[in-house]
Amino acid sequence: MLRYAVRRILQMIPVFIGVTIILFVLRAPGVLPGDPVRMITGERAIPESLREQIIEKHALDQPLHMQYVIYVRNLLQGDLGESYQRGRPVVDIFAEKFPNTLRLAVAAIIVEIVLGLTAGIVSAIRQYSFLDVLLTLSTSVLVSVPVFWLGMLFQIFFGIRLKEWTNDAFYLPISQMSSAQFPDWVHLILPAITLASVSTAYVARIMRSQMLEAMGQDYIRTAEAKGLKRRTVVYRHALKNAMIPVVTFVGIDFGVMMSGAILTETVFSWPGVGREIFLAVGQRDWPIVMGGVIIIVVIIMIINLIVDLSYALLDPRIRYGGGAE
């Protein structure tokens, strides 16, 4: 296990370097529109001496390869640069936004796990029943629905129409993460369900197929022949073996959620990492965009590593490195 973990960590290094190179090349003058000095100072005219100071401060007078070396050196020291528009360190900006994204991601992953696993297990146990057909049809619809459209639909129904129908007696907040009218957790309901919607459908479908495959194995028939209760057979034997693909999907999905759900956060004006990146793209604030993408990559790589290492805990038959641990 230790050898496998070290190998996986070493494999992350070239991925990280490759991402930084691609981002830096895209930011190079002439590749993307806009003058970095103009983005920093705005449209107002500035003295030539101030322009030279800005160029020197951001190493814009250096060759591209030297700019990359300086950027990586600063990156390894935890410096993601300074925002063009705000004049603040990018690290400080994302340090403020990341807890909000983490809060939304945790709420969404709970919804995804609870509803997705429940729907998948019920569908598998009651195969070809009316409930199975209904759940299968529902998940097929959900995986086809754009997240931003579903979010706006929730806003219209639960935030606007429901408020009109109940004469302001009952409705849900449709934007921001806090207000005087509602507790903070109520603001999580719509964005968390929206963020988890498509993933919940995938989890249910994966869980159903894996449970059906597990329930057809010889060891399940042996357990049933021994007279074990149906619940014991399903949850102690079949479920554990069916969980590995689900854990893979949920783990990767949680990494994506933690790195910022751009569409969901933008639709619900949730002040998180994803919305910050979206706004920075519109403002051509490349240090924030680059810093956000690097944070996303690091989070996803770490989550993938954790998911890979968790396989052996779920199934002791899995061994890494070609031998017994």
C-alpha atoms as a PDB file:
ATOM      1  CA  MET A   1       0.000   0.000   0.000  1.00  0.00           C
ATOM      2  CA  LEU A   2       2.783   2.450   0.916  1.00  0.00           C
ATOM      3  CA  ARG A   3       4.630   1.742  -2.341  1.00  0.00           C
ATOM      4  CA  TYR A   4       1.444   2.313  -4.324  1.00  0.00           C
ATOM      5  CA  ALA A   5       0.713   5.578  -2.491  1.00  0.00           C
ATOM      6  CA  VAL A   6       4.219   6.904  -3.200  1.00  0.00           C
ATOM      7  CA  ARG A   7       3.917   5.928  -6.872  1.00  0.00           C
ATOM      8  CA  ARG A   8       0.577   7.673  -7.187  1.00  0.00           C
ATOM      9  CA  ILE A   9       1.931  10.830  -5.553  1.00  0.00           C
ATOM     10  CA  LEU A  10       4.882  10.854  -7.953  1.00  0.00           C
ATOM     11  CA  GLN A  11       2.472  10.501 -10.878  1.00  0.00           C
ATOM     12  CA  MET A  12       0.739  13.675  -9.734  1.00  0.00           C
ATOM     13  CA  ILE A  13       3.883  15.765 -10.239  1.00  0.00           C
ATOM     14  CA  PRO A  14       3.989  15.699 -14.100  1.00  0.00           C
ATOM     15  CA  VAL A  15       0.227  16.320 -14.202  1.00  0.00           C
ATOM     16  CA  PHE A  16       0.653  19.395 -12.041  1.00  0.00           C
ATOM     17  CA  ILE A  17       3.597  20.654 -14.127  1.00  0.00           C
ATOM     18  CA  GLY A  18       1.678  20.068 -17.353  1.00  0.00           C
ATOM     19  CA  VAL A  19      -1.311  22.063 -16.092  1.00  0.00           C
ATOM     20  CA  THR A  20       0.852  25.000 -15.024  1.00  0.00           C
ATOM     21  CA  ILE A  21       2.604  25.051 -18.423  1.00  0.00           C
ATOM     22  CA  ILE A  22      -0.674  25.031 -20.347  1.00  0.00           C
ATOM     23  CA  LEU A  23      -2.144  27.786 -18.172  1.00  0.00           C
ATOM     24  CA  PHE A  24       0.979  29.911 -18.441  1.00  0.00           C
ATOM     25  CA  VAL A  25       1.194  29.567 -22.220  1.00  0.00           C
ATOM     26  CA  LEU A  26      -2.482  30.535 -22.554  1.00  0.00           C
ATOM     27  CA  ARG A  27      -1.818  33.624 -20.472  1.00  0.00           C
ATOM     28  CA  ALA A  28       1.157  34.678 -22.610  1.00  0.00           C
ATOM     29  CA  PRO A  29       0.853  37.954 -24.575  1.00  0.00           C
ATOM     30  CA  GLY A  30      -0.745  37.422 -27.975  1.00  0.00           C
ATOM     31  CA  VAL A  31      -2.533  34.197 -27.032  1.00  0.00           C
ATOM     32  CA  LEU A  32      -5.414  35.741 -25.091  1.00  0.00           C
ATOM     33  CA  PRO A  33      -6.693  39.257 -25.802  1.00  0.00           C
ATOM     34  CA  GLY A  34      -5.931  42.134 -23.478  1.00  0.00           C
ATOM     35  CA  ASP A  35      -2.952  44.025 -22.099  1.00  0.00           C
ATOM     36  CA  PRO A  36      -2.072  42.963 -18.509  1.00  0.00           C
ATOM     37  CA  VAL A  37      -0.984  46.510 -17.637  1.00  0.00           C
ATOM     38  CA  ARG A  38      -4.273  47.908 -18.940  1.00  0.00           C
ATOM     39  CA  MET A  39      -6.185  45.300 -16.923  1.00  0.00           C
ATOM     40  CA  ILE A  40      -4.376  46.365 -13.766  1.00  0.00           C
ATOM     41  CA  THR A  41      -4.658  50.130 -14.241  1.00  0.00           C
ATOM     42  CA  GLY A  42      -7.996  50.308 -16.053  1.00  0.00           C
ATOM     43  CA  GLU A  43      -8.736  52.596 -18.963  1.00  0.00           C
ATOM     44  CA  ARG A  44      -7.223  55.696 -17.402  1.00  0.00           C
ATOM     45  CA  ALA A  45      -3.986  57.082 -18.785  1.00  0.00           C
ATOM     46  CA  ILE A  46      -0.920  56.459 -16.633  1.00  0.00           C
ATOM     47  CA  PRO A  47       2.617  57.844 -16.681  1.00  0.00           C
ATOM     48  CA  GLU A  48       5.207  55.776 -18.494  1.00  0.00           C
ATOM     49  CA  SER A  49       7.201  55.425 -15.279  1.00  0.00           C
ATOM     50  CA  LEU A  50       4.226  53.773 -13.528  1.00  0.00           C
ATOM     51  CA  ARG A  51       3.735  51.456 -16.481  1.00  0.00           C
ATOM     52  CA  GLU A  52       7.372  50.370 -16.256  1.00  0.00           C
ATOM     53  CA  GLN A  53       7.003  49.736 -12.522  1.00  0.00           C
ATOM     54  CA  ILE A  54       3.988  47.474 -13.111  1.00  0.00           C
ATOM     55  CA  ILE A  55       5.822  45.596 -15.872  1.00  0.00           C
ATOM     56  CA  GLU A  56       8.836  45.071 -13.621  1.00  0.00           C
ATOM     57  CA  LYS A  57       6.711  44.053 -10.606  1.00  0.00           C
ATOM     58  CA  HIS A  58       4.924  41.326 -12.582  1.00  0.00           C
ATOM     59  CA  ALA A  59       8.072  40.295 -14.503  1.00  0.00           C
ATOM     60  CA  LEU A  60       6.387  41.109 -17.803  1.00  0.00           C
ATOM     61  CA  ASP A  61       9.716  42.332 -19.200  1.00  0.00           C
ATOM     62  CA  GLN A  62      11.252  38.868 -18.783  1.00  0.00           C
ATOM     63  CA  PRO A  63      11.290  36.121 -21.465  1.00  0.00           C
ATOM     64  CA  LEU A  64       8.355  33.737 -21.288  1.00  0.00           C
ATOM     65  CA  HIS A  65      10.377  30.849 -19.874  1.00  0.00           C
ATOM     66  CA  MET A  66      11.766  33.075 -17.107  1.00  0.00           C
ATOM     67  CA  GLN A  67       8.254  34.295 -16.294  1.00  0.00           C
ATOM     68  CA  TYR A  68       7.232  30.648 -15.925  1.00  0.00           C
ATOM     69  CA  VAL A  69      10.166  29.874 -13.629  1.00  0.00           C
ATOM     70  CA  ILE A  70       9.295  32.863 -11.441  1.00  0.00           C
ATOM     71  CA  TYR A  71       5.625  31.851 -11.402  1.00  0.00           C
ATOM     72  CA  VAL A  72       6.389  28.244 -10.369  1.00  0.00           C
ATOM     73  CA  ARG A  73       8.846  29.431  -7.717  1.00  0.00           C
ATOM     74  CA  ASN A  74       6.170  31.690  -6.235  1.00  0.00           C
ATOM     75  CA  LEU A  75       3.597  28.919  -6.581  1.00  0.00           C
ATOM     76  CA  LEU A  76       5.703  26.509  -4.527  1.00  0.00           C
ATOM     77  CA  GLN A  77       5.812  29.179  -1.830  1.00  0.00           C
ATOM     78  CA  GLY A  78       2.015  29.405  -1.791  1.00  0.00           C
ATOM     79  CA  ASP A  79       1.860  32.612  -3.845  1.00  0.00           C
ATOM     80  CA  LEU A  80      -0.772  32.462  -6.614  1.00  0.00           C
ATOM     81  CA  GLY A  81      -0.191  36.026  -7.694  1.00  0.00           C
ATOM     82  CA  GLU A  82      -2.197  39.201  -7.270  1.00  0.00           C
ATOM     83  CA  SER A  83      -5.599  39.978  -8.734  1.00  0.00           C
ATOM     84  CA  TYR A  84      -5.505  42.520 -11.549  1.00  0.00           C
ATOM     85  CA  GLN A  85      -8.871  44.023 -10.641  1.00  0.00           C
ATOM     86  CA  ARG A  86      -8.729  43.965  -6.833  1.00  0.00           C
ATOM     87  CA  GLY A  87      -5.029  44.272  -6.121  1.00  0.00           C
ATOM     88  CA  ARG A  88      -5.343  41.509  -3.515  1.00  0.00           C
ATOM     89  CA  PRO A  89      -3.432  38.215  -3.266  1.00  0.00           C
ATOM     90  CA  VAL A  90      -5.295  35.427  -5.058  1.00  0.00           C
ATOM     91  CA  VAL A  91      -4.667  33.115  -2.089  1.00  0.00           C
ATOM     92  CA  ASP A  92      -6.580  35.462   0.219  1.00  0.00           C
ATOM     93  CA  ILE A  93      -9.499  35.692  -2.204  1.00  0.00           C
ATOM     94  CA  PHE A  94      -9.896  31.922  -2.495  1.00  0.00           C
ATOM     95  CA  ALA A  95      -9.316  31.451   1.242  1.00  0.00           C
ATOM     96  CA  GLU A  96     -12.482  33.499   1.764  1.00  0.00           C
ATOM     97  CA  LYS A  97     -14.500  31.670  -0.900  1.00  0.00           C
ATOM     98  CA  PHE A  98     -13.415  28.063  -0.347  1.00  0.00           C
ATOM     99  CA  PRO A  99     -15.337  27.519   2.961  1.00  0.00           C
ATOM    100  CA  ASN A 100     -18.536  28.537   1.164  1.00  0.00           C
ATOM    101  CA  THR A 101     -17.870  26.067  -1.648  1.00  0.00           C
ATOM    102  CA  LEU A 102     -16.956  23.333   0.847  1.00  0.00           C
ATOM    103  CA  ARG A 103     -20.203  23.910   2.712  1.00  0.00           C
ATOM    104  CA  LEU A 104     -22.235  23.578  -0.473  1.00  0.00           C
ATOM    105  CA  ALA A 105     -20.252  20.541  -1.642  1.00  0.00           C
ATOM    106  CA  VAL A 106     -20.756  18.672   1.645  1.00  0.00           C
ATOM    107  CA  ALA A 107     -24.509  19.336   1.557  1.00  0.00           C
ATOM    108  CA  ALA A 108     -24.714  18.215  -2.078  1.00  0.00           C
ATOM    109  CA  ILE A 109     -22.671  15.047  -1.541  1.00  0.00           C
ATOM    110  CA  ILE A 110     -24.919  14.064   1.387  1.00  0.00           C
ATOM    111  CA  VAL A 111     -27.951  14.431  -0.866  1.00  0.00           C
ATOM    112  CA  GLU A 112     -26.193  12.466  -3.597  1.00  0.00           C
ATOM    113  CA  ILE A 113     -25.187   9.585  -1.319  1.00  0.00           C
ATOM    114  CA  VAL A 114     -28.461   9.269   0.583  1.00  0.00           C
ATOM    115  CA  LEU A 115     -30.833   9.564  -2.369  1.00  0.00           C
ATOM    116  CA  GLY A 116     -28.595   7.907  -4.954  1.00  0.00           C
ATOM    117  CA  LEU A 117     -27.719   4.828  -2.913  1.00  0.00           C
ATOM    118  CA  THR A 118     -31.271   4.417  -1.637  1.00  0.00           C
ATOM    119  CA  ALA A 119     -32.756   4.646  -5.128  1.00  0.00           C
ATOM    120  CA  GLY A 120     -30.185   2.242  -6.586  1.00  0.00           C
ATOM    121  CA  ILE A 121     -30.594  -0.374  -3.853  1.00  0.00           C
ATOM    122  CA  VAL A 122     -34.397  -0.241  -3.959  1.00  0.00           C
ATOM    123  CA  SER A 123     -34.389  -0.548  -7.761  1.00  0.00           C
ATOM    124  CA  ALA A 124     -32.091  -3.567  -7.624  1.00  0.00           C
ATOM    125  CA  ILE A 125     -33.994  -5.362  -4.867  1.00  0.00           C
ATOM    126  CA  ARG A 126     -37.351  -4.737  -6.555  1.00  0.00           C
ATOM    127  CA  GLN A 127     -36.183  -5.280 -10.124  1.00  0.00           C
ATOM    128  CA  TYR A 128     -38.836  -4.754 -12.835  1.00  0.00           C
ATOM    129  CA  SER A 129     -41.387  -3.521 -10.302  1.00  0.00           C
ATOM    130  CA  PHE A 130     -43.323  -0.296 -10.794  1.00  0.00           C
ATOM    131  CA  LEU A 131     -40.982   1.472  -8.363  1.00  0.00           C
ATOM    132  CA  ASP A 132     -37.945   0.233 -10.293  1.00  0.00           C
ATOM    133  CA  VAL A 133     -39.366   1.484 -13.583  1.00  0.00           C
ATOM    134  CA  LEU A 134     -40.278   4.841 -12.016  1.00  0.00           C
ATOM    135  CA  LEU A 135     -36.811   5.336 -10.511  1.00  0.00           C
ATOM    136  CA  THR A 136     -35.061   4.261 -13.707  1.00  0.00           C
ATOM    137  CA  LEU A 137     -37.165   6.655 -15.761  1.00  0.00           C
ATOM    138  CA  SER A 138     -36.551   9.497 -13.279  1.00  0.00           C
ATOM    139  CA  THR A 139     -32.776   9.019 -13.326  1.00  0.00           C
ATOM    140  CA  SER A 140     -32.801   8.877 -17.135  1.00  0.00           C
ATOM    141  CA  VAL A 141     -34.540  12.259 -17.209  1.00  0.00           C
ATOM    142  CA  LEU A 142     -32.243  13.778 -14.589  1.00  0.00           C
ATOM    143  CA  VAL A 143     -29.003  12.896 -16.399  1.00  0.00           C
ATOM    144  CA  SER A 144     -30.353  14.708 -19.458  1.00  0.00           C
ATOM    145  CA  VAL A 145     -31.354  17.944 -17.704  1.00  0.00           C
ATOM    146  CA  PRO A 146     -28.853  20.854 -17.779  1.00  0.00           C
ATOM    147  CA  VAL A 147     -27.945  21.873 -14.237  1.00  0.00           C
ATOM    148  CA  PHE A 148     -28.365  25.606 -14.832  1.00  0.00           C
ATOM    149  CA  TRP A 149     -31.837  25.075 -16.313  1.00  0.00           C
ATOM    150  CA  LEU A 150     -32.880  22.894 -13.380  1.00  0.00           C
ATOM    151  CA  GLY A 151     -31.593  25.506 -10.941  1.00  0.00           C
ATOM    152  CA  MET A 152     -33.582  28.271 -12.603  1.00  0.00           C
ATOM    153  CA  LEU A 153     -36.649  26.011 -12.626  1.00  0.00           C
ATOM    154  CA  PHE A 154     -36.284  25.487  -8.869  1.00  0.00           C
ATOM    155  CA  GLN A 155     -35.945  29.233  -8.381  1.00  0.00           C
ATOM    156  CA  ILE A 156     -39.113  29.952 -10.326  1.00  0.00           C
ATOM    157  CA  PHE A 157     -41.202  27.263  -8.640  1.00  0.00           C
ATOM    158  CA  PHE A 158     -39.954  27.220  -5.030  1.00  0.00           C
ATOM    159  CA  GLY A 159     -38.914  30.857  -4.758  1.00  0.00           C
ATOM    160  CA  ILE A 160     -41.388  32.811  -6.862  1.00  0.00           C
ATOM    161  CA  ARG A 161     -44.499  30.758  -7.639  1.00  0.00           C
ATOM    162  CA  LEU A 162     -44.672  29.088  -4.240  1.00  0.00           C
ATOM    163  CA  LYS A 163     -44.402  32.489  -2.579  1.00  0.00           C
ATOM    164  CA  GLU A 164     -47.335  33.751  -4.651  1.00  0.00           C
ATOM    165  CA  TRP A 165     -49.479  30.644  -4.106  1.00  0.00           C
ATOM    166  CA  THR A 166     -48.972  30.618  -0.307  1.00  0.00           C
ATOM    167  CA  ASN A 167     -49.249  34.411   0.045  1.00  0.00           C
ATOM    168  CA  ASP A 168     -45.678  34.743   1.347  1.00  0.00           C
ATOM    169  CA  ALA A 169     -46.304  32.016   3.947  1.00  0.00           C
ATOM    170  CA  PHE A 170     -43.878  29.461   2.524  1.00  0.00           C
ATOM    171  CA  TYR A 171     -41.083  29.684  -0.013  1.00  0.00           C
ATOM    172  CA  LEU A 172     -37.350  29.040  -0.297  1.00  0.00           C
ATOM    173  CA  PRO A 173     -34.541  31.569  -0.850  1.00  0.00           C
ATOM    174  CA  ILE A 174     -33.249  31.591  -4.401  1.00  0.00           C
ATOM    175  CA  SER A 175     -29.920  33.412  -4.038  1.00  0.00           C
ATOM    176  CA  GLN A 176     -27.055  34.207  -1.672  1.00  0.00           C
ATOM    177  CA  MET A 177     -26.080  32.116   1.363  1.00  0.00           C
ATOM    178  CA  SER A 178     -27.618  34.142   4.174  1.00  0.00           C
ATOM    179  CA  SER A 179     -30.433  36.585   4.853  1.00  0.00           C
ATOM    180  CA  ALA A 180     -32.512  37.973   7.698  1.00  0.00           C
ATOM    181  CA  GLN A 181     -35.586  35.967   6.658  1.00  0.00           C
ATOM    182  CA  PHE A 182     -34.095  32.465   6.761  1.00  0.00           C
ATOM    183  CA  PRO A 183     -31.552  30.435   8.733  1.00  0.00           C
ATOM    184  CA  ASP A 184     -28.348  29.866   6.792  1.00  0.00           C
ATOM    185  CA  TRP A 185     -29.060  26.139   6.281  1.00  0.00           C
ATOM    186  CA  VAL A 186     -32.278  26.932   4.384  1.00  0.00           C
ATOM    187  CA  HIS A 187     -30.230  28.778   1.763  1.00  0.00           C
ATOM    188  CA  LEU A 188     -28.409  25.496   1.107  1.00  0.00           C
ATOM    189  CA  ILE A 189     -31.507  23.519   0.094  1.00  0.00           C
ATOM    190  CA  LEU A 190     -32.018  24.571  -3.524  1.00  0.00           C
ATOM    191  CA  PRO A 191     -28.359  24.914  -4.605  1.00  0.00           C
ATOM    192  CA  ALA A 192     -27.411  21.626  -2.893  1.00  0.00           C
ATOM    193  CA  ILE A 193     -30.235  19.692  -4.569  1.00  0.00           C
ATOM    194  CA  THR A 194     -29.434  21.327  -7.902  1.00  0.00           C
ATOM    195  CA  LEU A 195     -25.721  20.558  -7.615  1.00  0.00           C
ATOM    196  CA  ALA A 196     -26.431  16.949  -6.613  1.00  0.00           C
ATOM    197  CA  SER A 197     -29.216  16.266  -9.116  1.00  0.00           C
ATOM    198  CA  VAL A 198     -27.304  14.817 -12.071  1.00  0.00           C
ATOM    199  CA  SER A 199     -24.765  13.024  -9.879  1.00  0.00           C
ATOM    200  CA  THR A 200     -27.551  11.466  -7.797  1.00  0.00           C
ATOM    201  CA  ALA A 201     -29.031   9.983 -10.939  1.00  0.00           C
ATOM    202  CA  TYR A 202     -25.666   8.516 -11.959  1.00  0.00           C
ATOM    203  CA  VAL A 203     -25.078   7.081  -8.471  1.00  0.00           C
ATOM    204  CA  ALA A 204     -28.512   5.437  -8.547  1.00  0.00           C
ATOM    205  CA  ARG A 205     -27.884   3.877 -11.951  1.00  0.00           C
ATOM    206  CA  ILE A 206     -24.391   2.645 -11.026  1.00  0.00           C
ATOM    207  CA  MET A 207     -25.641   1.284  -7.686  1.00  0.00           C
ATOM    208  CA  ARG A 208     -28.497  -0.562  -9.370  1.00  0.00           C
ATOM    209  CA  SER A 209     -26.312  -2.239 -11.982  1.00  0.00           C
ATOM    210  CA  GLN A 210     -23.623  -3.194  -9.457  1.00  0.00           C
ATOM    211  CA  MET A 211     -26.157  -4.567  -6.979  1.00  0.00           C
ATOM    212  CA  LEU A 212     -27.811  -6.674  -9.668  1.00  0.00           C
ATOM    213  CA  GLU A 213     -24.428  -8.043 -10.691  1.00  0.00           C
ATOM    214  CA  ALA A 214     -23.479  -8.801  -7.080  1.00  0.00           C
ATOM    215  CA  MET A 215     -26.818 -10.447  -6.312  1.00  0.00           C
ATOM    216  CA  GLY A 216     -26.210 -12.898  -9.147  1.00  0.00           C
ATOM    217  CA  GLN A 217     -22.885 -14.147  -7.780  1.00  0.00           C
ATOM    218  CA  ASP A 218     -22.353 -17.628  -6.330  1.00  0.00           C
ATOM    219  CA  TYR A 219     -21.441 -16.383  -2.847  1.00  0.00           C
ATOM    220  CA  ILE A 220     -24.836 -14.669  -2.598  1.00  0.00           C
ATOM    221  CA  ARG A 221     -26.645 -17.872  -3.478  1.00  0.00           C
ATOM    222  CA  THR A 222     -24.499 -19.694  -0.928  1.00  0.00           C
ATOM    223  CA  ALA A 223     -25.375 -17.159   1.756  1.00  0.00           C
ATOM    224  CA  GLU A 224     -29.069 -17.501   0.949  1.00  0.00           C
ATOM    225  CA  ALA A 225     -28.789 -21.296   0.988  1.00  0.00           C
ATOM    226  CA  LYS A 226     -27.345 -21.094   4.513  1.00  0.00           C
ATOM    227  CA  GLY A 227     -30.565 -19.466   5.630  1.00  0.00           C
ATOM    228  CA  LEU A 228     -29.240 -15.945   6.200  1.00  0.00           C
ATOM    229  CA  LYS A 229     -31.828 -13.218   6.324  1.00  0.00           C
ATOM    230  CA  ARG A 230     -32.468 -11.297   3.128  1.00  0.00           C
ATOM    231  CA  ARG A 231     -31.371  -8.048   4.758  1.00  0.00           C
ATOM    232  CA  THR A 232     -28.083  -9.585   5.897  1.00  0.00           C
ATOM    233  CA  VAL A 233     -27.371 -10.956   2.429  1.00  0.00           C
ATOM    234  CA  VAL A 234     -28.104  -7.636   0.757  1.00  0.00           C
ATOM    235  CA  TYR A 235     -26.351  -5.231   3.113  1.00  0.00           C
ATOM    236  CA  ARG A 236     -23.480  -7.307   4.486  1.00  0.00           C
ATOM    237  CA  HIS A 237     -22.469  -9.239   1.368  1.00  0.00           C
ATOM    238  CA  ALA A 238     -23.843  -7.722  -1.832  1.00  0.00           C
ATOM    239  CA  LEU A 239     -23.688  -4.040  -0.908  1.00  0.00           C
ATOM    240  CA  LYS A 240     -20.048  -3.994   0.179  1.00  0.00           C
ATOM    241  CA  ASN A 241     -18.875  -5.573  -3.057  1.00  0.00           C
ATOM    242  CA  ALA A 242     -21.088  -3.297  -5.157  1.00  0.00           C
ATOM    243  CA  MET A 243     -19.774  -0.120  -3.534  1.00  0.00           C
ATOM    244  CA  ILE A 244     -16.346   0.153  -5.204  1.00  0.00           C
ATOM    245  CA  PRO A 245     -17.487   1.789  -8.505  1.00  0.00           C
ATOM    246  CA  VAL A 246     -19.861   4.008  -6.519  1.00  0.00           C
ATOM    247  CA  VAL A 247     -17.076   5.140  -4.182  1.00  0.00           C
ATOM    248  CA  THR A 248     -14.950   5.988  -7.233  1.00  0.00           C
ATOM    249  CA  PHE A 249     -17.684   8.117  -8.765  1.00  0.00           C
ATOM    250  CA  VAL A 250     -18.711   9.820  -5.517  1.00  0.00           C
ATOM    251  CA  GLY A 251     -15.105  10.569  -4.585  1.00  0.00           C
ATOM    252  CA  ILE A 252     -14.270  12.152  -7.918  1.00  0.00           C
ATOM    253  CA  ASP A 253     -17.572  14.026  -7.936  1.00  0.00           C
ATOM    254  CA  PHE A 254     -16.904  15.386  -4.449  1.00  0.00           C
ATOM    255  CA  GLY A 255     -13.547  16.670  -5.672  1.00  0.00           C
ATOM    256  CA  VAL A 256     -15.261  18.439  -8.561  1.00  0.00           C
ATOM    257  CA  MET A 257     -17.849  19.941  -6.204  1.00  0.00           C
ATOM    258  CA  MET A 258     -15.180  21.131  -3.774  1.00  0.00           C
ATOM    259  CA  SER A 259     -13.282  22.800  -6.589  1.00  0.00           C
ATOM    260  CA  GLY A 260     -16.241  24.993  -7.395  1.00  0.00           C
ATOM    261  CA  ALA A 261     -19.555  24.300  -9.099  1.00  0.00           C
ATOM    262  CA  ILE A 262     -19.444  27.189 -11.557  1.00  0.00           C
ATOM    263  CA  LEU A 263     -22.966  26.864 -12.989  1.00  0.00           C
ATOM    264  CA  THR A 264     -24.756  26.214  -9.704  1.00  0.00           C
ATOM    265  CA  GLU A 265     -22.888  28.920  -7.792  1.00  0.00           C
ATOM    266  CA  THR A 266     -23.511  31.427 -10.580  1.00  0.00           C
ATOM    267  CA  VAL A 267     -27.250  30.682 -10.878  1.00  0.00           C
ATOM    268  CA  PHE A 268     -27.794  30.962  -7.107  1.00  0.00           C
ATOM    269  CA  SER A 269     -25.259  33.814  -6.596  1.00  0.00           C
ATOM    270  CA  TRP A 270     -23.428  31.574  -4.142  1.00  0.00           C
ATOM    271  CA  PRO A 271     -20.147  33.305  -3.191  1.00  0.00           C
ATOM    272  CA  GLY A 272     -17.872  30.345  -3.791  1.00  0.00           C
ATOM    273  CA  VAL A 273     -14.812  29.367  -5.791  1.00  0.00           C
ATOM    274  CA  GLY A 274     -16.741  28.545  -8.979  1.00  0.00           C
ATOM    275  CA  ARG A 275     -18.548  31.879  -9.114  1.00  0.00           C
ATOM    276  CA  GLU A 276     -15.285  33.702  -8.404  1.00  0.00           C
ATOM    277  CA  ILE A 277     -13.652  32.013 -11.405  1.00  0.00           C
ATOM    278  CA  PHE A 278     -16.681  32.797 -13.579  1.00  0.00           C
ATOM    279  CA  LEU A 279     -16.534  36.488 -12.677  1.00  0.00           C
ATOM    280  CA  ALA A 280     -12.766  36.569 -13.204  1.00  0.00           C
ATOM    281  CA  VAL A 281     -13.118  35.151 -16.719  1.00  0.00           C
ATOM    282  CA  GLY A 282     -15.520  37.968 -17.624  1.00  0.00           C
ATOM    283  CA  GLN A 283     -13.114  40.540 -16.172  1.00  0.00           C
ATOM    284  CA  ARG A 284     -10.037  38.879 -17.747  1.00  0.00           C
ATOM    285  CA  ASP A 285      -8.479  38.682 -14.315  1.00  0.00           C
ATOM    286  CA  TRP A 286      -6.072  35.911 -15.309  1.00  0.00           C
ATOM    287  CA  PRO A 287      -4.269  35.483 -11.947  1.00  0.00           C
ATOM    288  CA  ILE A 288      -7.603  34.503 -10.345  1.00  0.00           C
ATOM    289  CA  VAL A 289      -8.477  32.209 -13.252  1.00  0.00           C
ATOM    290  CA  MET A 290      -5.077  30.507 -13.177  1.00  0.00           C
ATOM    291  CA  GLY A 291      -5.073  30.239  -9.392  1.00  0.00           C
ATOM    292  CA  GLY A 292      -8.596  28.813  -9.413  1.00  0.00           C
ATOM    293  CA  VAL A 293      -7.765  26.178 -12.025  1.00  0.00           C
ATOM    294  CA  ILE A 294      -4.619  25.139 -10.128  1.00  0.00           C
ATOM    295  CA  ILE A 295      -6.633  24.791  -6.919  1.00  0.00           C
ATOM    296  CA  ILE A 296      -9.203  22.678  -8.782  1.00  0.00           C
ATOM    297  CA  VAL A 297      -6.501  20.391 -10.186  1.00  0.00           C
ATOM    298  CA  VAL A 298      -4.826  19.909  -6.796  1.00  0.00           C
ATOM    299  CA  ILE A 299      -8.130  19.127  -5.058  1.00  0.00           C
ATOM    300  CA  ILE A 300      -9.167  16.593  -7.697  1.00  0.00           C
ATOM    301  CA  MET A 301      -5.750  14.883  -7.625  1.00  0.00           C
ATOM    302  CA  ILE A 302      -5.880  14.581  -3.835  1.00  0.00           C
ATOM    303  CA  ILE A 303      -9.445  13.224  -3.875  1.00  0.00           C
ATOM    304  CA  ASN A 304      -8.498  10.694  -6.576  1.00  0.00           C
ATOM    305  CA  LEU A 305      -5.584   9.522  -4.446  1.00  0.00           C
ATOM    306  CA  ILE A 306      -7.838   9.073  -1.414  1.00  0.00           C
ATOM    307  CA  VAL A 307     -10.380   7.154  -3.503  1.00  0.00           C
ATOM    308  CA  ASP A 308      -7.711   4.824  -4.899  1.00  0.00           C
ATOM    309  CA  LEU A 309      -6.337   4.090  -1.432  1.00  0.00           C
ATOM    310  CA  SER A 310      -9.827   3.413  -0.076  1.00  0.00           C
ATOM    311  CA  TYR A 311     -10.321   0.418  -2.414  1.00  0.00           C
ATOM    312  CA  ALA A 312      -8.362  -1.912  -0.155  1.00  0.00           C
ATOM    313  CA  LEU A 313     -10.550  -0.971   2.794  1.00  0.00           C
ATOM    314  CA  LEU A 314     -13.703  -1.881   0.903  1.00  0.00           C
ATOM    315  CA  ASP A 315     -12.356  -5.060  -0.652  1.00  0.00           C
ATOM    316  CA  PRO A 316      -9.341  -6.753   1.040  1.00  0.00           C
ATOM    317  CA  ARG A 317      -8.864  -8.861  -2.102  1.00  0.00           C
ATOM    318  CA  ILE A 318      -7.503  -5.791  -3.861  1.00  0.00           C
ATOM    319  CA  ARG A 319      -3.748  -5.506  -3.485  1.00  0.00           C
ATOM    320  CA  TYR A 320      -1.441  -2.816  -4.802  1.00  0.00           C
ATOM    321  CA  GLY A 321       2.042  -3.242  -6.122  1.00  0.00           C
ATOM    322  CA  GLY A 322       1.566  -6.824  -7.326  1.00  0.00           C
ATOM    323  CA  GLY A 323       1.889  -8.556  -3.955  1.00  0.00           C
ATOM    324  CA  ALA A 324       0.291  -9.020  -0.573  1.00  0.00           C
ATOM    325  CA  GLU A 325       0.622  -6.133   1.834  1.00  0.00           C
END
